[in-house]
Amino acid sequence: MNQKLLSALVIAHNEEHNLADCLRALKFADEIIVVLDKCTDNSKQISQSYADKIIEGSWHIEGARRNVGLLNCNSKWILEIDADERVSKDLADEILTAIKLSKPCRFTVPIANYVGQRHIKYGWLRTLGVVERQTIHYNGYKKYHEDKQIHPTADVLGEVNHLKNPIKHLVDKDISDMLARFNRYTNWRANDIIASDNLEKGFWPNFFSGINRFFKSFIFKQGFREGGIGFIIALLCGLYPLISFIKAKEKSENN
């Protein structure tokens, strides 16, 4: 029996409002694998209409749950997609053409980040959003490090090629949703700081790092072109290391 060409891997936590549209757009893949992490909503019922395999569990480390998903993919190539992301018909066609013609490698895909109905092109730093991500790889060419609750790194193999059509990322519903996500991210980052025993950096290095990050987002990444929302993104990017450190310090002192 010939090995399947493409597995689509979706990781989800309580994504009942996003999952159906995400999974429906992945029907071009040979199999769909869904990893449900601590889901208490209707994510499983929705996934049953589309997924070839559903894996349920509870993970505190981002890399660990992603590795579980990767190990359950049975195709030559793997496409990693989050529930709040959408693959267009043009991108699906481009993916299939690329993997049929390419030797084992990895592919990056542009990311079009949306806040509500607005496409926010400028100002993103990795802590809040990326404009390109390596999201397709030959099976066995990636393994995540299992040491962080957020933004895991990975061991990877193969050269990197680039696709042109973007993934649509519904990153936040509105500013309030962005602030709630910032709160979650800094909580997870604080836990990572404590786990790595990395509290010695101190307030002022994180303060000046934050200033640099603000100007990188607002000036060098041209967040100013987005107006007020670009300023908010730059401000949150700048505050990220400082707020994460203060939360870590508070948690460590209270334990």
Protein backbone atom coordinates (compact mmCIF):
# COMPACT_ATOMS: atom_id res chain seq x y z
CA MET A 1 0.00 0.00 0.00
CA ASN A 2 1.44 3.37 -1.02
CA GLN A 3 2.10 5.91 1.71
CA LYS A 4 -0.27 8.86 1.76
CA LEU A 5 1.05 12.16 0.46
CA LEU A 6 -0.14 14.77 2.99
CA SER A 7 -1.31 14.80 6.61
CA ALA A 8 -2.94 17.93 8.04
CA LEU A 9 -2.32 18.29 11.77
CA VAL A 10 -4.55 20.56 13.87
CA ILE A 11 -3.95 21.30 17.56
CA ALA A 12 -6.95 22.72 19.42
CA HIS A 13 -8.12 23.79 22.88
CA ASN A 14 -11.82 24.70 23.12
CA GLU A 15 -12.05 25.90 19.51
CA GLU A 16 -15.68 25.01 18.70
CA HIS A 17 -16.18 28.38 16.99
CA ASN A 18 -13.19 27.92 14.68
CA LEU A 19 -12.76 24.20 14.08
CA ALA A 20 -15.41 23.48 11.45
CA ASP A 21 -14.19 26.17 9.03
CA CYS A 22 -10.56 25.19 9.62
CA LEU A 23 -11.13 21.46 9.05
CA ARG A 24 -13.45 21.96 6.09
CA ALA A 25 -10.64 23.79 4.27
CA LEU A 26 -8.28 20.83 4.82
CA LYS A 27 -10.22 18.25 2.81
CA PHE A 28 -7.50 18.36 0.14
CA ALA A 29 -5.19 16.48 2.55
CA ASP A 30 -5.06 12.68 2.55
CA GLU A 31 -5.68 12.55 6.29
CA ILE A 32 -6.61 15.00 9.04
CA ILE A 33 -5.23 14.46 12.55
CA VAL A 34 -6.74 16.52 15.39
CA VAL A 35 -5.13 16.81 18.83
CA LEU A 36 -7.60 18.07 21.45
CA ASP A 37 -5.93 19.51 24.53
CA LYS A 38 -8.12 19.80 27.65
CA CYS A 39 -11.24 20.49 25.58
CA THR A 40 -14.51 20.98 27.47
CA ASP A 41 -16.63 22.33 24.61
CA ASN A 42 -17.94 20.70 21.40
CA SER A 43 -14.53 20.50 19.69
CA LYS A 44 -14.59 16.68 19.68
CA GLN A 45 -18.06 16.44 18.16
CA ILE A 46 -17.10 18.89 15.42
CA SER A 47 -13.82 17.08 14.74
CA GLN A 48 -15.62 13.75 14.31
CA SER A 49 -17.21 15.06 11.10
CA TYR A 50 -13.84 15.75 9.46
CA ALA A 51 -10.91 14.05 11.19
CA ASP A 52 -9.44 10.67 10.38
CA LYS A 53 -7.98 10.47 13.88
CA ILE A 54 -8.67 12.37 17.10
CA ILE A 55 -6.20 12.36 19.99
CA GLU A 56 -7.38 13.65 23.36
CA GLY A 57 -5.18 14.55 26.28
CA SER A 58 -3.88 17.18 28.66
CA TRP A 59 -0.51 18.81 28.07
CA HIS A 60 1.19 21.70 29.85
CA ILE A 61 4.10 21.85 27.40
CA GLU A 62 3.38 23.07 23.88
CA GLY A 63 6.11 21.01 22.24
CA ALA A 64 4.89 17.79 23.86
CA ARG A 65 1.38 17.96 22.42
CA ARG A 66 2.74 18.92 19.00
CA ASN A 67 5.12 15.96 19.05
CA VAL A 68 2.22 13.62 19.85
CA GLY A 69 0.43 14.94 16.79
CA LEU A 70 3.47 14.58 14.54
CA LEU A 71 4.00 10.96 15.62
CA ASN A 72 0.42 10.12 14.59
CA CYS A 73 0.76 11.49 11.05
CA ASN A 74 1.13 8.71 8.46
CA SER A 75 1.86 10.65 5.28
CA LYS A 76 5.09 11.67 3.56
CA TRP A 77 4.45 15.34 4.28
CA ILE A 78 2.89 17.14 7.26
CA LEU A 79 1.01 20.45 7.26
CA GLU A 80 0.65 22.00 10.72
CA ILE A 81 -2.35 24.31 11.10
CA ASP A 82 -3.99 25.93 14.12
CA ALA A 83 -7.76 26.03 14.51
CA ASP A 84 -7.89 29.79 13.97
CA GLU A 85 -6.09 29.51 10.63
CA ARG A 86 -7.55 29.01 7.16
CA VAL A 87 -6.05 27.44 4.02
CA SER A 88 -7.39 28.91 0.79
CA LYS A 89 -8.01 26.94 -2.40
CA ASP A 90 -5.02 28.69 -4.02
CA LEU A 91 -2.73 27.75 -1.14
CA ALA A 92 -4.02 24.16 -1.11
CA ASP A 93 -3.22 23.83 -4.82
CA GLU A 94 0.21 25.37 -4.31
CA ILE A 95 0.99 22.99 -1.43
CA LEU A 96 0.00 19.90 -3.40
CA THR A 97 2.01 20.97 -6.43
CA ALA A 98 5.08 21.79 -4.33
CA ILE A 99 5.21 18.55 -2.33
CA LYS A 100 4.61 16.40 -5.41
CA LEU A 101 7.58 17.98 -7.18
CA SER A 102 9.99 18.46 -4.27
CA LYS A 103 12.54 16.25 -2.59
CA PRO A 104 12.26 16.01 1.22
CA CYS A 105 12.53 19.51 2.71
CA ARG A 106 10.59 22.15 4.62
CA PHE A 107 8.36 24.99 3.42
CA THR A 108 7.57 28.36 4.92
CA VAL A 109 4.20 29.99 4.25
CA PRO A 110 3.27 33.68 4.62
CA ILE A 111 0.83 34.45 7.44
CA ALA A 112 -1.89 37.08 6.96
CA ASN A 113 -2.92 38.13 10.49
CA TYR A 114 -6.44 39.47 11.03
CA VAL A 115 -7.83 41.36 14.00
CA GLY A 116 -11.54 41.15 13.45
CA GLN A 117 -12.09 41.81 9.75
CA ARG A 118 -8.94 43.88 9.34
CA HIS A 119 -5.74 42.49 7.88
CA ILE A 120 -2.89 43.84 10.03
CA LYS A 121 0.23 43.68 7.88
CA TYR A 122 2.80 45.54 9.95
CA GLY A 123 4.31 45.59 13.43
CA TRP A 124 4.20 41.94 14.42
CA LEU A 125 6.95 40.39 16.52
CA ARG A 126 7.09 36.69 17.29
CA THR A 127 5.62 37.07 20.77
CA LEU A 128 2.27 38.26 19.37
CA GLY A 129 2.25 37.17 15.75
CA VAL A 130 4.44 36.16 12.81
CA VAL A 131 4.21 37.05 9.14
CA GLU A 132 5.85 33.82 7.93
CA ARG A 133 6.11 30.37 9.46
CA GLN A 134 7.63 27.00 8.59
CA THR A 135 4.44 24.96 8.62
CA ILE A 136 5.06 22.15 6.09
CA HIS A 137 7.79 19.56 6.41
CA TYR A 138 8.69 16.07 5.32
CA ASN A 139 7.63 13.50 7.90
CA GLY A 140 10.41 12.98 10.44
CA TYR A 141 12.12 16.28 9.69
CA LYS A 142 10.90 18.08 12.82
CA LYS A 143 10.80 17.36 16.54
CA TYR A 144 9.79 19.99 19.07
CA HIS A 145 11.71 20.65 22.27
CA GLU A 146 9.55 19.85 25.26
CA ASP A 147 10.73 22.60 27.59
CA LYS A 148 8.32 25.54 27.13
CA GLN A 149 4.65 26.28 27.62
CA ILE A 150 4.72 28.78 24.75
CA HIS A 151 6.69 29.34 21.52
CA PRO A 152 8.60 26.04 21.45
CA THR A 153 11.74 25.62 19.39
CA ALA A 154 12.44 22.48 17.39
CA ASP A 155 15.15 20.32 15.89
CA VAL A 156 14.69 20.37 12.12
CA LEU A 157 16.23 18.81 9.04
CA GLY A 158 16.31 19.71 5.36
CA GLU A 159 16.56 22.87 3.32
CA VAL A 160 13.83 25.52 3.49
CA ASN A 161 11.74 26.53 0.49
CA HIS A 162 9.03 29.18 0.32
CA LEU A 163 5.41 29.23 -0.81
CA LYS A 164 3.64 32.40 -1.97
CA ASN A 165 -0.02 32.10 -0.97
CA PRO A 166 -0.71 33.04 2.68
CA ILE A 167 -2.47 31.28 5.52
CA LYS A 168 -5.27 33.48 6.86
CA HIS A 169 -4.82 33.75 10.63
CA LEU A 170 -7.81 34.99 12.65
CA VAL A 171 -5.48 36.00 15.44
CA ASP A 172 -7.84 38.14 17.56
CA LYS A 173 -11.51 39.12 17.45
CA ASP A 174 -10.79 42.66 18.69
CA ILE A 175 -8.51 44.64 20.99
CA SER A 176 -10.06 43.08 24.10
CA ASP A 177 -9.31 39.63 22.72
CA MET A 178 -5.73 40.70 21.99
CA LEU A 179 -5.28 41.91 25.58
CA ALA A 180 -6.67 38.61 26.92
CA ARG A 181 -4.22 36.70 24.71
CA PHE A 182 -1.36 38.90 25.94
CA ASN A 183 -2.34 38.03 29.51
CA ARG A 184 -2.29 34.28 28.71
CA TYR A 185 1.01 34.49 26.87
CA THR A 186 2.76 36.38 29.66
CA ASN A 187 1.41 33.88 32.22
CA TRP A 188 2.89 31.00 30.22
CA ARG A 189 6.14 32.87 29.64
CA ALA A 190 6.40 33.55 33.38
CA ASN A 191 6.08 29.82 34.04
CA ASP A 192 8.84 29.15 31.51
CA ILE A 193 11.09 31.72 33.22
CA ILE A 194 10.55 30.02 36.59
CA ALA A 195 11.07 26.53 35.17
CA SER A 196 14.36 27.57 33.55
CA ASP A 197 15.48 29.36 36.74
CA ASN A 198 16.04 32.50 34.68
CA LEU A 199 15.04 35.19 37.18
CA GLU A 200 18.51 36.66 37.53
CA LYS A 201 18.15 38.94 34.49
CA GLY A 202 16.33 41.51 36.62
CA PHE A 203 13.95 44.40 36.06
CA TRP A 204 16.12 46.89 34.21
CA PRO A 205 17.48 44.58 31.49
CA ASN A 206 13.87 43.54 30.75
CA PHE A 207 12.81 47.20 30.82
CA PHE A 208 15.40 48.26 28.24
CA SER A 209 14.71 45.12 26.19
CA GLY A 210 11.08 46.19 26.12
CA ILE A 211 11.97 49.66 24.85
CA ASN A 212 14.02 48.12 22.04
CA ARG A 213 11.17 45.78 21.17
CA PHE A 214 8.66 48.65 21.05
CA PHE A 215 10.78 50.59 18.55
CA LYS A 216 11.48 47.44 16.54
CA SER A 217 7.74 46.81 16.20
CA PHE A 218 6.57 50.37 15.70
CA ILE A 219 9.44 51.74 13.57
CA PHE A 220 11.45 48.95 11.94
CA LYS A 221 8.46 46.62 11.45
CA GLN A 222 6.45 49.71 10.41
CA GLY A 223 3.65 49.27 12.93
CA PHE A 224 3.05 53.03 12.66
CA ARG A 225 1.42 52.33 9.28
CA GLU A 226 -1.46 50.58 11.09
CA GLY A 227 -2.34 53.62 13.20
CA GLY A 228 -3.68 53.08 16.71
CA ILE A 229 -3.76 49.30 16.58
CA GLY A 230 -0.15 49.31 15.39
CA PHE A 231 0.77 51.34 18.47
CA ILE A 232 -1.05 48.87 20.74
CA ILE A 233 0.74 45.90 19.13
CA ALA A 234 4.11 47.65 19.54
CA LEU A 235 3.30 48.50 23.15
CA LEU A 236 2.35 44.91 23.97
CA CYS A 237 5.44 43.59 22.20
CA GLY A 238 7.54 45.95 24.31
CA LEU A 239 5.79 45.06 27.56
CA TYR A 240 6.00 41.31 26.94
CA PRO A 241 9.43 40.60 28.52
CA LEU A 242 8.86 43.01 31.41
CA ILE A 243 5.35 41.81 32.34
CA SER A 244 6.47 38.18 32.00
CA PHE A 245 9.40 38.82 34.34
CA ILE A 246 7.27 40.65 36.92
CA LYS A 247 4.71 37.84 36.89
CA ALA A 248 7.47 35.24 37.29
CA LYS A 249 8.96 37.19 40.19
CA GLU A 250 5.55 37.45 41.85
CA LYS A 251 4.82 33.76 41.41
CA SER A 252 8.22 32.69 42.75
CA GLU A 253 7.86 34.91 45.81
CA ASN A 254 4.38 33.57 46.56
CA ASN A 255 5.46 29.90 46.41
